[in-house]
Amino acid sequence: MAKKLLFIILLSSLFTACKSSQNLASKANTQRKLEKIYRHYKGVKYRYGGTSARGFDCSGFVQRVYKEAFNLTLPRTTKAMMKTGKAVRKNNLKTGDLVFFHTSRKYYHVGIYMNNGYFIHASTSKGVTKSSLNLKYWQRSYVKARRILK
């Protein structure tokens, strides 16, 4: 009986270790894909309604990145994206999560969380760029995050 119990414990530990290493590999793969696409589009100018390398708006950029990186089609607008996936607390963000901001009375903004407090997005002033969530502007306008990837 003791040998059987020990075997079950070892098997369970092995399964947990394998699952954990798969999660780490998956996270690293997601990070690599997003970084590669970010480098490709970095600096592309902002264009309202834009969905291509000729110019992106924020939701057009996020939609394009998700299609290229994960072959997933997201809704076209920021407001529709805000209803997609599942809610995530700011202190539990993972690479690939969508982050949302209320940047004016009329407009919302969306980006993709990378890691270490940074996200990629199409900025009206800088085009496709990487920004820190710790900047006061983004802290003040932060609304919520949504997880699309598992």
Protein backbone atom coordinates (compact mmCIF):
# COMPACT_ATOMS: atom_id res chain seq x y z
CA MET A 1 0.00 0.00 0.00
CA ALA A 2 2.83 2.42 0.88
CA LYS A 3 4.57 1.72 -2.45
CA LYS A 4 1.33 2.36 -4.33
CA LEU A 5 0.81 5.67 -2.51
CA LEU A 6 4.42 6.71 -3.17
CA PHE A 7 3.98 5.83 -6.87
CA ILE A 8 0.80 7.96 -7.09
CA ILE A 9 2.55 10.90 -5.41
CA LEU A 10 5.54 10.66 -7.77
CA LEU A 11 3.30 10.36 -10.81
CA SER A 12 1.27 13.36 -9.67
CA SER A 13 4.45 15.40 -9.12
CA LEU A 14 5.74 14.46 -12.56
CA PHE A 15 2.46 15.48 -14.20
CA THR A 16 2.48 18.81 -12.34
CA ALA A 17 6.10 19.47 -13.35
CA CYS A 18 5.35 18.66 -17.01
CA LYS A 19 2.28 20.88 -17.00
CA SER A 20 4.29 23.71 -15.39
CA SER A 21 7.08 23.43 -17.96
CA GLN A 22 4.47 23.39 -20.76
CA ASN A 23 2.98 26.60 -19.36
CA LEU A 24 6.42 28.23 -19.27
CA ALA A 25 7.16 27.12 -22.83
CA SER A 26 3.76 28.38 -23.99
CA LYS A 27 4.31 31.75 -22.28
CA ALA A 28 7.77 32.07 -23.86
CA ASN A 29 6.34 31.17 -27.28
CA THR A 30 3.57 33.77 -26.91
CA GLN A 31 6.15 36.37 -25.89
CA ARG A 32 8.37 35.55 -28.90
CA LYS A 33 5.48 35.78 -31.35
CA LEU A 34 4.32 39.11 -29.98
CA GLU A 35 7.83 40.58 -29.89
CA LYS A 36 8.47 39.52 -33.49
CA ILE A 37 5.26 41.12 -34.74
CA TYR A 38 5.89 44.23 -32.62
CA ARG A 39 9.37 44.67 -34.16
CA HIS A 40 7.85 44.27 -37.63
CA TYR A 41 5.26 47.02 -37.09
CA LYS A 42 7.16 49.26 -34.65
CA GLY A 43 6.84 52.88 -35.73
CA VAL A 44 3.99 52.35 -38.21
CA LYS A 45 1.99 55.57 -38.06
CA TYR A 46 -1.40 55.90 -36.43
CA ARG A 47 -4.32 56.10 -38.84
CA TYR A 48 -7.92 56.26 -37.67
CA GLY A 49 -9.69 53.18 -39.03
CA GLY A 50 -6.37 51.67 -40.11
CA THR A 51 -5.85 47.93 -40.11
CA SER A 52 -2.62 47.52 -42.10
CA ALA A 53 1.05 48.47 -42.22
CA ARG A 54 -0.05 51.66 -44.04
CA GLY A 55 -1.43 52.77 -40.66
CA PHE A 56 -3.20 51.35 -37.63
CA ASP A 57 -5.66 52.57 -35.09
CA CYS A 58 -5.43 50.82 -31.72
CA SER A 59 -8.07 48.15 -32.29
CA GLY A 60 -6.90 47.58 -35.87
CA PHE A 61 -3.40 46.91 -34.57
CA VAL A 62 -4.60 44.52 -31.84
CA GLN A 63 -6.85 42.71 -34.32
CA ARG A 64 -3.96 42.30 -36.79
CA VAL A 65 -1.51 41.07 -34.14
CA TYR A 66 -3.93 38.45 -32.83
CA LYS A 67 -4.64 37.21 -36.35
CA GLU A 68 -0.93 36.97 -37.26
CA ALA A 69 0.33 35.57 -33.96
CA PHE A 70 -2.49 33.23 -32.94
CA ASN A 71 -4.78 32.94 -35.99
CA LEU A 72 -7.61 34.37 -33.88
CA THR A 73 -10.10 36.90 -35.21
CA LEU A 74 -11.03 39.56 -32.68
CA PRO A 75 -13.87 42.06 -33.05
CA ARG A 76 -12.96 45.24 -34.94
CA THR A 77 -13.75 47.85 -32.29
CA THR A 78 -12.30 48.50 -28.86
CA LYS A 79 -15.74 48.45 -27.23
CA ALA A 80 -16.49 45.03 -28.75
CA MET A 81 -13.06 43.74 -27.65
CA MET A 82 -13.90 44.84 -24.10
CA LYS A 83 -16.61 42.16 -24.04
CA THR A 84 -14.39 39.36 -25.42
CA GLY A 85 -12.56 36.78 -23.32
CA LYS A 86 -12.60 36.83 -19.55
CA ALA A 87 -11.89 39.55 -17.00
CA VAL A 88 -8.40 39.70 -15.49
CA ARG A 89 -7.21 41.71 -12.51
CA LYS A 90 -4.44 44.20 -13.22
CA ASN A 91 -2.13 42.46 -10.75
CA ASN A 92 -2.63 39.14 -12.59
CA LEU A 93 -1.82 40.21 -16.15
CA LYS A 94 -0.18 37.69 -18.47
CA THR A 95 1.53 38.14 -21.82
CA GLY A 96 -1.13 38.54 -24.50
CA ASP A 97 -3.87 39.97 -22.29
CA LEU A 98 -5.73 42.95 -23.71
CA VAL A 99 -5.50 46.13 -21.63
CA PHE A 100 -8.10 48.89 -21.95
CA PHE A 101 -8.00 52.59 -21.18
CA HIS A 102 -10.52 55.42 -21.18
CA THR A 103 -8.41 58.12 -22.79
CA SER A 104 -11.10 60.77 -23.29
CA ARG A 105 -14.80 61.24 -22.68
CA LYS A 106 -15.57 59.73 -26.06
CA TYR A 107 -12.79 57.20 -26.75
CA TYR A 108 -11.35 53.99 -25.36
CA HIS A 109 -7.91 52.61 -26.17
CA VAL A 110 -6.63 49.02 -26.32
CA GLY A 111 -3.20 47.41 -26.24
CA ILE A 112 -1.61 44.02 -25.65
CA TYR A 113 0.20 43.33 -22.39
CA MET A 114 3.74 42.02 -22.90
CA ASN A 115 5.48 41.56 -19.55
CA ASN A 116 7.22 43.52 -16.78
CA GLY A 117 4.55 46.23 -16.88
CA TYR A 118 4.77 46.99 -20.63
CA PHE A 119 2.19 46.79 -23.38
CA ILE A 120 2.24 47.30 -27.15
CA HIS A 121 -0.29 49.48 -28.93
CA ALA A 122 -0.91 51.96 -31.74
CA SER A 123 -0.46 55.40 -30.21
CA THR A 124 -1.92 58.49 -31.88
CA SER A 125 1.36 60.37 -31.31
CA LYS A 126 4.02 57.63 -31.76
CA GLY A 127 2.36 55.02 -33.94
CA VAL A 128 3.01 51.41 -32.98
CA THR A 129 5.02 51.53 -29.77
CA LYS A 130 5.67 49.92 -26.40
CA SER A 131 4.62 51.79 -23.26
CA SER A 132 4.79 51.28 -19.51
CA LEU A 133 1.59 50.78 -17.55
CA ASN A 134 3.39 52.63 -14.74
CA LEU A 135 3.26 55.98 -16.54
CA LYS A 136 0.78 58.27 -14.81
CA TYR A 137 -1.21 58.77 -18.00
CA TRP A 138 -1.87 55.04 -18.38
CA GLN A 139 -2.42 54.53 -14.65
CA ARG A 140 -5.08 57.27 -14.61
CA SER A 141 -6.91 56.02 -17.68
CA TYR A 142 -6.67 52.24 -17.05
CA VAL A 143 -10.11 50.58 -17.14
CA LYS A 144 -9.69 46.80 -17.27
CA ALA A 145 -8.03 43.80 -18.89
CA ARG A 146 -9.38 40.78 -20.72
CA ARG A 147 -7.75 37.41 -21.33
CA ILE A 148 -8.28 35.91 -24.75
CA LEU A 149 -5.55 33.26 -24.67
CA LYS A 150 -5.71 30.34 -22.24
